[in-house]
N, C-alpha and C. Protein backbone atom coordinates (compact mmCIF):
# COMPACT_ATOMS: atom_id res chain seq x y z
N MET A 1 113.92 98.19 -158.45
CA MET A 1 112.62 99.02 -157.68
C MET A 1 113.22 99.92 -156.81
N GLY A 2 114.24 100.55 -156.49
CA GLY A 2 114.14 101.59 -156.34
C GLY A 2 114.88 101.48 -154.39
N PHE A 3 114.92 100.55 -154.59
CA PHE A 3 115.21 99.80 -152.90
C PHE A 3 116.36 98.69 -152.71
N THR A 4 117.47 99.02 -151.81
CA THR A 4 118.56 98.23 -151.29
C THR A 4 118.51 98.25 -149.66
N ILE A 5 118.85 97.27 -149.11
CA ILE A 5 118.55 97.20 -148.34
C ILE A 5 119.69 95.66 -147.27
N GLY A 6 121.02 95.12 -147.42
CA GLY A 6 120.71 94.13 -146.80
C GLY A 6 120.70 92.85 -147.67
N GLY A 7 120.13 93.18 -148.62
CA GLY A 7 119.75 91.70 -149.59
C GLY A 7 119.75 90.33 -149.00
N SER A 8 119.77 89.49 -149.61
CA SER A 8 119.26 87.79 -149.04
C SER A 8 120.34 87.96 -147.18
N ARG A 9 121.15 88.34 -147.66
CA ARG A 9 121.67 88.04 -146.28
C ARG A 9 121.49 88.34 -145.22
N GLY A 10 120.97 89.46 -145.23
CA GLY A 10 119.97 90.35 -144.27
C GLY A 10 119.22 89.26 -143.60
N ILE A 11 118.37 89.03 -144.80
CA ILE A 11 117.16 87.83 -144.44
C ILE A 11 117.29 86.61 -143.22
N ARG A 12 118.80 86.29 -143.37
CA ARG A 12 119.10 85.23 -143.03
C ARG A 12 119.21 85.92 -141.23
N GLU A 13 119.99 86.57 -141.54
CA GLU A 13 120.70 87.36 -140.27
C GLU A 13 119.38 87.94 -139.16
N THR A 14 118.17 88.28 -139.81
CA THR A 14 117.44 88.62 -138.60
C THR A 14 116.46 87.59 -138.39
N ARG A 15 116.48 86.60 -138.39
CA ARG A 15 115.73 85.60 -138.05
C ARG A 15 115.58 85.77 -136.11
N PRO A 16 114.23 85.07 -136.12
CA PRO A 16 114.38 85.31 -134.38
C PRO A 16 115.40 84.54 -133.63
N GLY A 17 115.94 83.19 -133.93
CA GLY A 17 116.73 82.47 -133.34
C GLY A 17 118.27 83.31 -133.14
N SER A 18 117.79 84.31 -133.96
CA SER A 18 119.44 85.25 -133.49
C SER A 18 119.46 86.43 -133.45
N TRP A 19 118.49 86.73 -132.93
CA TRP A 19 118.03 87.69 -132.30
C TRP A 19 118.54 87.55 -130.81
N ARG A 20 119.59 88.74 -130.39
CA ARG A 20 120.16 88.78 -128.76
C ARG A 20 118.94 89.22 -127.95
N ARG A 21 119.21 88.62 -126.96
CA ARG A 21 118.80 88.49 -126.07
C ARG A 21 118.64 90.25 -125.50
N GLY A 22 117.45 90.92 -124.86
CA GLY A 22 117.92 92.10 -123.77
C GLY A 22 117.46 93.51 -125.31
N ARG A 23 117.26 92.84 -126.67
CA ARG A 23 117.23 94.09 -127.50
C ARG A 23 115.58 94.68 -127.37
N SER A 24 115.20 96.13 -127.79
CA SER A 24 114.21 96.53 -127.08
C SER A 24 113.07 96.35 -127.90
N ALA A 25 111.71 96.41 -127.74
CA ALA A 25 110.77 96.28 -128.66
C ALA A 25 110.82 96.94 -129.67
N ARG A 26 111.32 98.03 -129.92
CA ARG A 26 111.68 99.05 -130.70
C ARG A 26 112.70 98.43 -131.60
N THR A 27 113.65 97.92 -131.43
CA THR A 27 114.70 97.01 -132.12
C THR A 27 113.88 95.99 -132.99
N THR A 28 113.66 95.34 -131.91
CA THR A 28 112.49 94.02 -132.90
C THR A 28 111.78 94.39 -134.01
N ARG A 29 111.24 95.49 -133.63
CA ARG A 29 109.73 96.24 -134.78
C ARG A 29 110.74 96.51 -135.91
N THR A 30 111.84 96.70 -135.59
CA THR A 30 112.64 97.67 -136.64
C THR A 30 113.23 96.62 -137.91
N SER A 31 113.81 95.40 -136.94
CA SER A 31 113.88 94.17 -137.88
C SER A 31 113.08 93.61 -138.54
N GLU A 32 112.11 93.68 -138.31
CA GLU A 32 110.70 93.17 -138.59
C GLU A 32 110.33 93.94 -139.59
N ALA A 33 110.77 95.06 -139.89
CA ALA A 33 109.71 95.96 -140.75
C ALA A 33 111.13 96.06 -141.22
N THR A 34 112.05 95.95 -141.84
CA THR A 34 113.63 95.60 -142.26
C THR A 34 113.10 94.64 -143.42
N VAL A 35 112.83 93.19 -142.70
CA VAL A 35 112.77 91.76 -143.16
C VAL A 35 111.58 92.30 -144.62
N VAL A 36 110.15 92.86 -143.66
CA VAL A 36 109.18 92.81 -144.81
C VAL A 36 109.43 93.50 -145.86
N ALA A 37 110.53 94.33 -145.42
CA ALA A 37 110.76 95.67 -146.77
C ALA A 37 111.45 95.35 -147.76
N GLU A 38 111.99 94.13 -147.44
CA GLU A 38 113.07 93.25 -148.75
C GLU A 38 112.03 92.49 -149.32
N TYR A 39 111.12 92.02 -148.92
CA TYR A 39 110.12 91.25 -149.65
C TYR A 39 109.21 92.43 -150.92
N THR A 40 108.52 93.57 -149.80
CA THR A 40 107.74 94.07 -150.66
C THR A 40 108.83 95.10 -151.81
N GLY A 41 110.03 95.16 -151.74
CA GLY A 41 110.92 96.47 -152.45
C GLY A 41 111.60 96.17 -153.21
N LEU A 42 112.14 94.59 -152.48
CA LEU A 42 113.17 93.86 -153.31
C LEU A 42 112.57 92.77 -154.18
N TRP A 43 112.17 91.79 -153.65
CA TRP A 43 111.16 90.45 -154.11
C TRP A 43 110.11 91.19 -154.85
N GLY A 44 109.41 92.04 -155.05
CA GLY A 44 108.20 92.36 -155.06
C GLY A 44 106.90 91.21 -154.82
N TRP A 45 106.94 91.10 -153.43
CA TRP A 45 105.60 90.25 -153.06
C TRP A 45 104.81 90.69 -151.89
N ASP A 46 103.71 90.75 -152.20
CA ASP A 46 102.78 91.19 -151.17
C ASP A 46 103.04 90.82 -149.68
N VAL A 47 102.94 91.37 -148.58
CA VAL A 47 102.93 90.63 -147.07
C VAL A 47 101.80 90.98 -146.55
N ALA A 48 100.88 90.43 -146.05
CA ALA A 48 99.85 90.26 -144.98
C ALA A 48 100.60 90.20 -143.59
N PRO A 49 100.29 91.06 -142.72
CA PRO A 49 100.31 90.95 -140.70
C PRO A 49 99.73 89.94 -140.32
N GLY A 50 100.34 88.85 -140.05
CA GLY A 50 99.03 87.70 -139.49
C GLY A 50 99.22 86.88 -137.85
N ALA A 51 97.90 86.35 -137.52
CA ALA A 51 98.14 86.02 -136.19
C ALA A 51 99.32 84.70 -135.90
N ARG A 52 99.35 84.99 -134.62
CA ARG A 52 100.79 83.82 -133.99
C ARG A 52 100.08 82.80 -133.57
N ALA A 53 100.59 81.97 -133.17
CA ALA A 53 99.99 80.89 -132.53
C ALA A 53 100.72 81.07 -131.28
N LEU A 54 100.36 80.74 -130.12
CA LEU A 54 100.95 81.21 -128.86
C LEU A 54 100.04 80.04 -127.80
N ASN A 55 101.46 79.00 -127.50
CA ASN A 55 101.07 77.61 -126.88
C ASN A 55 99.82 76.70 -127.32
N GLY A 56 99.93 76.53 -128.96
CA GLY A 56 98.91 76.13 -129.16
C GLY A 56 97.55 76.85 -129.56
N GLU A 57 97.28 78.09 -129.18
CA GLU A 57 96.21 79.14 -129.54
C GLU A 57 96.69 80.10 -130.34
N CYS A 58 95.18 80.89 -130.98
CA CYS A 58 95.52 81.58 -132.13
C CYS A 58 95.60 83.06 -131.03
N SER A 59 96.39 83.57 -131.79
CA SER A 59 96.46 85.33 -130.87
C SER A 59 95.25 85.84 -131.58
N CYS A 60 94.42 85.61 -132.31
CA CYS A 60 93.40 86.05 -133.09
C CYS A 60 92.21 85.90 -131.57
N GLY A 61 92.40 84.96 -130.80
CA GLY A 61 91.72 85.23 -129.56
C GLY A 61 90.27 84.36 -129.48
N SER A 62 90.12 83.84 -131.05
CA SER A 62 89.12 82.67 -130.96
C SER A 62 88.92 81.43 -130.71
N SER A 63 88.53 80.97 -129.85
CA SER A 63 88.99 79.91 -129.08
C SER A 63 88.41 78.66 -130.60
N SER A 64 87.56 78.85 -131.30
CA SER A 64 87.67 78.21 -132.95
C SER A 64 88.48 78.76 -133.80
N CYS A 65 89.40 79.27 -133.82
CA CYS A 65 89.98 78.94 -134.47
C CYS A 65 90.43 78.08 -135.63
N PRO A 66 90.25 78.17 -137.06
CA PRO A 66 90.45 77.31 -137.90
C PRO A 66 92.05 76.61 -137.82
N ALA A 67 92.59 77.83 -138.18
CA ALA A 67 93.87 77.81 -138.65
C ALA A 67 94.77 78.71 -137.84
N PRO A 68 95.29 78.16 -136.87
CA PRO A 68 95.77 78.83 -135.17
C PRO A 68 97.24 79.49 -135.98
N GLY A 69 97.30 80.69 -135.49
CA GLY A 69 98.49 81.23 -136.27
C GLY A 69 98.82 81.37 -137.81
N ALA A 70 98.50 81.25 -138.34
CA ALA A 70 98.51 80.98 -139.82
C ALA A 70 97.15 81.37 -140.95
N HIS A 71 96.87 82.66 -140.00
CA HIS A 71 95.72 83.47 -141.01
C HIS A 71 95.94 85.08 -140.94
N PRO A 72 95.87 85.88 -141.79
CA PRO A 72 96.42 87.06 -142.28
C PRO A 72 95.54 87.75 -140.56
N LEU A 73 95.66 88.53 -140.25
CA LEU A 73 94.84 89.85 -139.03
C LEU A 73 93.91 89.94 -139.95
N ALA A 74 92.66 89.96 -139.99
CA ALA A 74 91.16 90.48 -140.36
C ALA A 74 91.48 91.85 -140.73
N PHE A 75 91.60 92.61 -139.40
CA PHE A 75 91.50 94.31 -139.35
C PHE A 75 92.97 95.30 -139.41
N LEU A 76 93.83 94.78 -140.83
CA LEU A 76 94.59 94.84 -141.24
C LEU A 76 95.30 94.80 -142.60
N PRO A 77 95.22 96.06 -143.59
CA PRO A 77 95.59 95.84 -144.65
C PRO A 77 96.81 94.78 -144.65
N GLU A 78 96.96 94.19 -146.23
CA GLU A 78 98.11 93.83 -146.39
C GLU A 78 99.44 95.08 -146.82
N VAL A 79 100.18 94.86 -146.58
CA VAL A 79 101.58 95.45 -147.46
C VAL A 79 101.45 95.29 -148.69
N PRO A 80 101.21 96.43 -149.97
CA PRO A 80 101.67 95.57 -151.04
C PRO A 80 102.67 95.77 -151.36
N ALA A 81 103.54 94.86 -152.87
CA ALA A 81 104.58 94.88 -153.00
C ALA A 81 104.78 95.94 -153.69
N GLY A 82 106.24 96.45 -153.63
CA GLY A 82 106.30 97.92 -154.05
C GLY A 82 107.02 98.78 -152.54
N ALA A 83 106.45 98.52 -151.64
CA ALA A 83 105.96 99.66 -150.07
C ALA A 83 107.78 99.70 -150.04
N THR A 84 107.78 101.14 -149.55
CA THR A 84 109.12 101.24 -149.15
C THR A 84 109.31 100.96 -147.64
N LEU A 85 110.93 101.23 -147.15
CA LEU A 85 111.10 100.96 -145.47
C LEU A 85 110.41 102.00 -144.53
N ASP A 86 110.16 102.77 -145.20
CA ASP A 86 109.16 104.05 -144.69
C ASP A 86 107.73 103.71 -144.38
N GLU A 87 107.37 102.85 -145.57
CA GLU A 87 105.58 102.31 -145.70
C GLU A 87 105.94 101.43 -144.72
N VAL A 88 106.37 100.72 -145.30
CA VAL A 88 106.60 99.39 -144.14
C VAL A 88 106.21 99.23 -142.64
N THR A 89 107.55 100.49 -142.45
CA THR A 89 107.95 101.03 -140.60
C THR A 89 106.64 100.96 -140.32
N GLU A 90 105.96 102.19 -141.10
CA GLU A 90 104.52 102.78 -140.52
C GLU A 90 102.98 101.68 -140.32
N ALA A 91 103.02 100.91 -141.59
CA ALA A 91 101.98 99.71 -141.77
C ALA A 91 102.11 99.08 -140.25
N TRP A 92 104.15 98.11 -139.99
CA TRP A 92 104.34 96.87 -138.90
C TRP A 92 104.05 97.95 -137.68
N SER A 93 103.94 99.14 -137.23
CA SER A 93 104.23 99.57 -136.23
C SER A 93 102.21 99.49 -135.57
N ARG A 94 101.95 99.46 -136.14
CA ARG A 94 100.07 98.79 -136.06
C ARG A 94 99.91 97.37 -135.58
N CYS A 95 101.05 96.90 -135.70
CA CYS A 95 101.14 95.20 -135.25
C CYS A 95 102.09 94.41 -135.26
N PRO A 96 103.18 95.08 -133.73
CA PRO A 96 104.37 94.58 -133.36
C PRO A 96 104.25 93.39 -133.03
N GLY A 97 105.29 92.68 -133.73
CA GLY A 97 105.38 91.19 -133.32
C GLY A 97 104.25 90.22 -134.08
N ALA A 98 103.34 90.63 -135.35
CA ALA A 98 102.83 89.85 -136.24
C ALA A 98 103.85 88.99 -137.06
N ALA A 99 102.77 87.86 -137.29
CA ALA A 99 103.48 87.12 -138.03
C ALA A 99 103.33 87.71 -139.32
N VAL A 100 104.58 87.26 -140.52
CA VAL A 100 104.88 87.74 -141.58
C VAL A 100 104.05 86.54 -142.84
N LEU A 101 103.39 86.43 -143.44
CA LEU A 101 102.52 86.11 -143.87
C LEU A 101 102.94 86.09 -145.75
N LEU A 102 102.50 85.40 -146.61
CA LEU A 102 102.85 85.57 -148.18
C LEU A 102 102.07 84.98 -148.66
N PRO A 103 100.75 85.75 -149.43
CA PRO A 103 99.50 84.97 -150.13
C PRO A 103 100.16 84.46 -151.14
N VAL A 104 99.78 83.23 -151.55
CA VAL A 104 100.18 82.33 -152.62
C VAL A 104 99.30 82.40 -153.94
N GLY A 105 100.18 82.21 -154.71
CA GLY A 105 99.03 82.13 -156.37
C GLY A 105 99.14 83.26 -156.92
N ARG A 106 99.92 84.47 -156.46
CA ARG A 106 100.44 85.79 -157.14
C ARG A 106 101.16 85.47 -157.55
N THR A 107 102.50 85.63 -157.13
CA THR A 107 103.87 85.76 -157.49
C THR A 107 104.52 84.29 -157.86
N PHE A 108 103.98 83.66 -156.65
CA PHE A 108 104.42 82.04 -156.54
C PHE A 108 103.33 81.20 -155.99
N ASP A 109 103.25 79.78 -156.10
CA ASP A 109 102.60 78.56 -155.49
C ASP A 109 103.78 78.18 -154.92
N VAL A 110 103.03 76.83 -153.73
CA VAL A 110 104.30 76.64 -152.90
C VAL A 110 104.36 75.07 -153.43
N LEU A 111 105.28 74.53 -153.76
CA LEU A 111 105.06 72.91 -153.12
C LEU A 111 105.02 72.39 -151.70
N ASP A 112 104.61 71.90 -151.25
CA ASP A 112 104.50 71.43 -149.27
C ASP A 112 105.28 69.92 -149.19
N VAL A 113 105.85 69.67 -148.79
CA VAL A 113 106.08 68.44 -148.50
C VAL A 113 106.97 68.18 -147.15
N ALA A 114 106.93 67.25 -146.46
CA ALA A 114 107.58 66.86 -145.22
C ALA A 114 108.66 67.44 -145.25
N ALA A 115 109.59 67.92 -144.32
CA ALA A 115 110.70 68.65 -144.21
C ALA A 115 111.89 67.43 -144.28
N PRO A 116 112.03 65.91 -144.13
CA PRO A 116 112.72 65.23 -144.25
C PRO A 116 112.40 64.77 -146.11
N ALA A 117 111.96 64.85 -146.24
CA ALA A 117 111.98 64.66 -147.95
C ALA A 117 112.43 65.97 -148.23
N GLY A 118 111.78 66.88 -147.98
CA GLY A 118 112.52 68.27 -149.09
C GLY A 118 113.80 68.53 -148.98
N ARG A 119 114.56 68.01 -147.89
CA ARG A 119 115.82 68.19 -146.93
C ARG A 119 116.19 67.32 -148.43
N ARG A 120 115.99 66.50 -148.49
CA ARG A 120 116.10 65.10 -149.65
C ARG A 120 116.65 65.49 -150.97
N ALA A 121 115.45 66.02 -150.89
CA ALA A 121 115.08 66.39 -152.39
C ALA A 121 115.50 68.07 -153.03
N LEU A 122 116.07 68.27 -151.70
CA LEU A 122 116.72 69.63 -152.46
C LEU A 122 118.02 69.45 -152.67
N VAL A 123 118.63 68.65 -151.66
CA VAL A 123 120.73 68.42 -152.74
C VAL A 123 119.78 67.53 -153.56
N ARG A 124 119.03 66.67 -153.93
CA ARG A 124 119.36 65.99 -155.67
C ARG A 124 119.22 66.99 -156.67
N LEU A 125 118.18 67.72 -156.22
CA LEU A 125 117.44 68.93 -157.11
C LEU A 125 118.97 69.76 -157.28
N GLU A 126 119.64 69.94 -156.33
CA GLU A 126 120.59 71.04 -156.54
C GLU A 126 121.49 70.45 -157.36
N ARG A 127 122.29 68.63 -156.89
CA ARG A 127 123.41 67.94 -157.67
C ARG A 127 122.52 67.88 -159.18
N MET A 128 121.93 67.68 -159.77
CA MET A 128 120.99 67.50 -160.58
C MET A 128 121.06 68.92 -161.99
N GLY A 129 121.39 70.13 -160.96
CA GLY A 129 121.24 71.24 -161.66
C GLY A 129 120.22 71.74 -162.19
N LEU A 130 119.23 71.97 -161.79
CA LEU A 130 117.74 71.82 -162.01
C LEU A 130 117.23 73.41 -161.34
N PRO A 131 116.36 74.34 -162.07
CA PRO A 131 116.62 75.79 -161.83
C PRO A 131 115.99 75.13 -160.49
N LEU A 132 115.85 76.74 -159.52
CA LEU A 132 115.45 76.57 -158.19
C LEU A 132 114.52 77.93 -157.77
N GLY A 133 113.63 78.21 -157.02
CA GLY A 133 113.18 79.08 -156.53
C GLY A 133 113.41 79.23 -155.16
N PRO A 134 112.92 80.37 -154.22
CA PRO A 134 112.94 79.97 -152.69
C PRO A 134 112.75 79.05 -152.22
N VAL A 135 113.07 77.95 -151.49
CA VAL A 135 112.97 77.07 -150.33
C VAL A 135 112.83 77.47 -149.26
N ALA A 136 112.10 77.04 -147.91
CA ALA A 136 112.18 77.52 -146.88
C ALA A 136 111.39 76.00 -145.94
N THR A 137 111.58 76.23 -144.54
CA THR A 137 111.34 75.15 -143.85
C THR A 137 110.60 75.65 -142.54
N THR A 138 109.59 75.14 -142.15
CA THR A 138 108.64 75.42 -141.14
C THR A 138 108.68 74.67 -139.90
N PRO A 139 108.14 75.27 -138.56
CA PRO A 139 108.32 74.91 -137.21
C PRO A 139 107.40 73.29 -137.48
N GLU A 140 106.67 73.44 -138.27
CA GLU A 140 105.40 72.18 -138.45
C GLU A 140 106.13 71.31 -139.05
N GLY A 141 107.30 71.38 -139.19
CA GLY A 141 108.25 69.59 -140.31
C GLY A 141 108.01 70.08 -141.41
N ARG A 142 107.59 71.09 -142.53
CA ARG A 142 107.50 71.04 -144.09
C ARG A 142 108.29 71.99 -144.68
N THR A 143 108.49 71.46 -145.44
CA THR A 143 109.40 72.14 -146.97
C THR A 143 108.83 73.22 -148.07
N HIS A 144 108.94 74.48 -148.31
CA HIS A 144 108.29 74.65 -149.01
C HIS A 144 109.15 74.72 -149.89
N PHE A 145 108.57 74.62 -151.40
CA PHE A 145 109.59 74.56 -152.70
C PHE A 145 108.45 76.06 -153.52
N TYR A 146 109.59 77.22 -153.50
CA TYR A 146 108.23 78.06 -154.03
C TYR A 146 108.53 77.51 -155.98
N VAL A 147 107.23 78.00 -156.61
CA VAL A 147 107.14 77.60 -158.04
C VAL A 147 106.02 78.92 -159.08
N ALA A 148 105.94 78.51 -159.55
CA ALA A 148 105.29 79.71 -160.45
C ALA A 148 103.78 79.47 -160.14
N PRO A 149 103.74 80.49 -160.37
CA PRO A 149 102.09 80.11 -160.13
C PRO A 149 100.91 79.49 -160.98
N GLY A 150 100.27 78.45 -160.82
CA GLY A 150 99.62 78.09 -161.33
C GLY A 150 99.39 76.75 -161.11
N ALA A 151 100.21 76.35 -160.10
CA ALA A 151 100.78 74.66 -159.96
C ALA A 151 99.75 74.61 -159.02
N SER A 152 99.06 74.96 -158.15
CA SER A 152 98.00 74.47 -157.51
C SER A 152 96.95 73.58 -158.41
N ALA A 153 96.52 74.65 -159.37
CA ALA A 153 95.61 74.00 -160.35
C ALA A 153 96.01 73.26 -161.22
N GLU A 154 97.27 73.17 -161.32
CA GLU A 154 97.65 72.08 -162.33
C GLU A 154 98.28 70.87 -162.03
N LEU A 155 98.23 70.23 -160.66
CA LEU A 155 98.72 69.70 -159.47
C LEU A 155 98.34 68.07 -160.11
N PRO A 156 97.00 67.79 -160.11
CA PRO A 156 96.22 66.75 -160.57
C PRO A 156 97.20 65.97 -161.95
N ARG A 157 96.63 67.39 -162.62
CA ARG A 157 97.09 67.02 -164.25
C ARG A 157 98.59 66.48 -164.39
N LEU A 158 99.74 67.11 -163.99
CA LEU A 158 100.88 66.64 -163.60
C LEU A 158 101.38 65.69 -163.04
N LEU A 159 100.24 65.44 -161.81
CA LEU A 159 100.81 64.05 -160.87
C LEU A 159 100.54 62.86 -162.16
N TYR A 160 99.54 63.41 -162.91
CA TYR A 160 98.21 62.07 -163.63
C TYR A 160 99.60 61.83 -164.88
N ARG A 161 100.31 62.92 -165.27
CA ARG A 161 101.49 62.52 -166.53
C ARG A 161 102.32 62.23 -166.24
N MET A 162 103.01 62.50 -165.21
CA MET A 162 104.23 61.60 -165.17
C MET A 162 103.68 60.39 -163.74
N GLY A 163 102.68 59.62 -163.94
CA GLY A 163 102.18 58.68 -163.80
C GLY A 163 102.69 58.33 -161.81
N TRP A 164 102.25 59.60 -161.23
CA TRP A 164 102.19 59.66 -159.88
C TRP A 164 101.01 59.71 -159.51
N ASP A 165 99.68 59.73 -160.01
CA ASP A 165 98.40 59.89 -159.58
C ASP A 165 97.88 58.75 -158.24
N ASP A 166 98.21 58.01 -158.63
CA ASP A 166 97.94 56.64 -157.78
C ASP A 166 98.92 56.40 -156.69
N ALA A 167 99.46 57.12 -156.53
CA ALA A 167 100.70 56.88 -154.86
C ALA A 167 100.23 57.51 -154.04
N VAL A 168 100.62 57.38 -152.72
CA VAL A 168 100.48 58.12 -151.42
C VAL A 168 101.29 59.31 -151.32
N LEU A 169 101.25 60.18 -151.84
CA LEU A 169 102.37 61.41 -151.29
C LEU A 169 102.00 61.93 -150.35
N ASP A 170 102.68 62.40 -149.47
CA ASP A 170 103.18 63.43 -148.68
C ASP A 170 103.30 64.51 -149.44
N LEU A 171 102.51 65.12 -150.26
CA LEU A 171 103.09 66.23 -151.10
C LEU A 171 101.41 67.11 -151.40
N ARG A 172 101.98 68.75 -150.93
CA ARG A 172 100.33 69.45 -151.09
C ARG A 172 100.61 70.58 -152.10
N CYS A 173 99.73 71.34 -151.70
CA CYS A 173 99.87 72.34 -152.93
C CYS A 173 99.12 73.49 -152.39
N PRO A 174 99.41 74.74 -151.78
CA PRO A 174 98.04 75.21 -151.24
C PRO A 174 97.44 76.30 -152.25
N PRO A 175 95.79 76.09 -151.71
CA PRO A 175 95.36 76.64 -153.23
C PRO A 175 95.79 78.33 -152.94
N ARG A 176 95.22 79.03 -154.14
CA ARG A 176 95.66 80.04 -153.99
C ARG A 176 94.55 80.63 -153.14
N GLY A 177 94.80 82.44 -152.39
CA GLY A 177 94.31 82.68 -151.50
C GLY A 177 94.86 82.11 -150.13
N SER A 178 95.46 81.53 -149.87
CA SER A 178 95.76 81.20 -148.82
C SER A 178 97.52 81.88 -148.68
N HIS A 179 97.87 80.98 -147.47
CA HIS A 179 98.98 82.07 -146.93
C HIS A 179 100.09 81.24 -146.48
N VAL A 180 101.34 81.10 -146.56
CA VAL A 180 102.48 80.89 -145.91
C VAL A 180 103.49 81.43 -145.22
N PRO A 181 104.09 80.74 -144.17
CA PRO A 181 104.63 82.00 -143.16
C PRO A 181 105.92 81.87 -144.13
N ALA A 182 106.57 83.50 -143.77
CA ALA A 182 108.00 83.87 -143.63
C ALA A 182 109.09 83.68 -143.21
N PRO A 183 110.15 83.89 -143.19
CA PRO A 183 111.46 84.52 -142.06
C PRO A 183 110.80 86.06 -142.03
N PRO A 184 111.36 86.53 -140.81
CA PRO A 184 111.10 86.27 -139.45
C PRO A 184 110.06 85.59 -138.55
N SER A 185 108.84 84.95 -138.79
CA SER A 185 107.95 84.16 -138.20
C SER A 185 108.20 83.21 -137.78
N GLY A 186 107.94 82.82 -136.21
CA GLY A 186 108.29 81.83 -135.41
C GLY A 186 109.64 81.29 -135.84
N ASP A 187 110.18 80.16 -136.09
CA ASP A 187 110.63 79.05 -136.43
C ASP A 187 111.02 78.24 -138.06
N VAL A 188 110.82 79.37 -138.70
CA VAL A 188 110.11 79.37 -140.23
C VAL A 188 111.71 79.63 -141.01
N HIS A 189 112.58 79.06 -141.09
CA HIS A 189 114.15 79.47 -142.18
C HIS A 189 114.01 79.05 -143.43
N TRP A 190 115.29 79.83 -144.43
CA TRP A 190 115.05 79.78 -145.69
C TRP A 190 116.25 78.73 -145.79
N LEU A 191 115.87 77.90 -146.77
CA LEU A 191 117.22 76.93 -147.02
C LEU A 191 117.69 77.24 -148.16
N ARG A 192 116.98 77.65 -149.41
CA ARG A 192 117.25 78.82 -150.34
C ARG A 192 116.37 80.10 -150.00
N PRO A 193 117.28 81.56 -149.89
CA PRO A 193 117.25 82.79 -149.84
C PRO A 193 116.16 83.35 -150.65
N PRO A 194 115.26 83.62 -150.97
CA PRO A 194 115.07 84.77 -152.52
C PRO A 194 116.17 85.17 -153.00
N SER A 195 115.95 85.68 -154.40
CA SER A 195 117.12 86.42 -154.96
C SER A 195 116.58 87.02 -155.86
N LEU A 196 117.36 87.92 -156.77
CA LEU A 196 116.06 88.80 -157.67
C LEU A 196 115.87 88.07 -159.03
N ASP A 197 117.00 86.66 -159.19
CA ASP A 197 116.59 86.12 -160.40
C ASP A 197 115.73 85.13 -160.17
N THR A 198 115.09 84.87 -158.78
CA THR A 198 114.02 83.72 -158.52
C THR A 198 112.89 84.31 -157.89
N ALA A 199 113.09 85.33 -156.98
CA ALA A 199 111.65 85.64 -156.18
C ALA A 199 110.47 86.25 -157.24
N THR A 200 110.53 87.02 -158.65
CA THR A 200 109.53 86.71 -159.09
C THR A 200 109.33 85.82 -160.51
N ARG A 201 110.28 84.93 -160.57
CA ARG A 201 110.45 84.20 -161.61
C ARG A 201 110.76 82.70 -161.31
N PRO A 202 109.77 82.20 -160.43
CA PRO A 202 110.36 81.01 -159.92
C PRO A 202 110.14 79.65 -160.69
N PRO A 203 110.66 78.84 -160.92
CA PRO A 203 110.52 77.66 -161.88
C PRO A 203 109.27 77.12 -162.12
N GLN A 204 108.73 76.75 -163.05
CA GLN A 204 107.80 75.92 -163.50
C GLN A 204 107.76 73.93 -162.46
N ALA A 205 106.21 74.28 -161.63
CA ALA A 205 106.54 72.82 -160.90
C ALA A 205 106.82 71.58 -161.62
N ARG A 206 106.69 71.33 -162.68
CA ARG A 206 107.10 70.12 -163.50
C ARG A 206 107.96 70.12 -163.12
N LEU A 207 109.22 70.54 -163.67
CA LEU A 207 110.81 70.64 -163.26
C LEU A 207 110.93 70.02 -161.81
N LEU A 208 110.22 70.30 -161.02
CA LEU A 208 110.46 70.29 -159.54
C LEU A 208 109.60 68.59 -158.97
N LEU A 209 108.44 68.21 -159.51
CA LEU A 209 107.58 67.70 -158.97
C LEU A 209 107.86 66.09 -159.27
N GLY A 210 108.85 65.86 -160.58
CA GLY A 210 109.00 64.46 -160.33
C GLY A 210 109.95 63.60 -159.35
N THR A 211 110.74 64.74 -158.89
CA THR A 211 111.93 64.35 -158.34
C THR A 211 111.39 64.54 -156.76
N LEU A 212 110.53 65.49 -156.35
CA LEU A 212 109.97 65.71 -155.22
C LEU A 212 108.78 64.42 -155.07
N ALA A 213 108.26 64.07 -155.66
CA ALA A 213 107.33 63.02 -155.76
C ALA A 213 107.78 61.35 -155.56
N TYR A 214 109.34 61.37 -156.19
CA TYR A 214 109.69 60.33 -155.89
C TYR A 214 110.57 60.25 -154.79
N ILE A 215 110.74 61.47 -153.98
CA ILE A 215 111.73 61.42 -152.78
C ILE A 215 110.33 61.07 -151.39
N CYS A 216 109.56 61.39 -152.00
CA CYS A 216 108.20 61.46 -150.84
C CYS A 216 107.75 60.11 -150.78
N HIS A 217 107.72 59.75 -152.05
CA HIS A 217 107.11 57.88 -152.78
C HIS A 217 107.86 57.55 -151.69
N ARG A 218 109.44 57.72 -151.48
CA ARG A 218 110.06 56.27 -151.38
C ARG A 218 110.14 56.61 -149.43
N SER A 219 110.13 58.10 -149.29
CA SER A 219 109.90 58.46 -147.55
C SER A 219 108.62 57.59 -147.19
N ALA A 220 107.76 57.55 -147.82
CA ALA A 220 106.42 56.95 -147.14
C ALA A 220 106.72 55.18 -146.94
N ALA A 221 107.73 54.45 -148.24
CA ALA A 221 108.08 53.21 -148.00
C ALA A 221 108.66 52.67 -146.90
């Protein structure tokens, strides 16, 4: 796509936990813009500047916000896939410190499970040699498995076909139009960072769902 900086290693190294104390605000903004530019320029993802959660309250200022720290800032446009580093830097200068949110249902959907079950499932999936897309963990104790778009609409049918439709599973699939956080937002980290092979071509949900459902069921039991 005509854009090369850092690769996925750079994404891991610029997460908030790795920032050294005393860095200037300008350096922090540059780090954020660099990561966002990798998402848009390398991985082909749209990125939305989002509100942050501050002591349990949303930075949008609404006392009745239904999704504190988990929604785009309405007064700012998305940064589209393909945006260059210069374009991202210009856009992010209008919202320094904004959360990095990725829209669900375009390039990918997300299978969302509890973090302990997600980590166990990831180990099993890797041992089985099944194809995997990006996998992230969030401070709310969730693990996000990135899968091909369409999973949200297909999930009930897939669970029925696999015999898991009557089971109590802590397994969700955010609907199209929702957003998920990505590093360097808060304490979000990649367990498997995106790559050129998986960012725009994540696996079909059906390839992972059986293992995820089984692990979730065992965890609940």
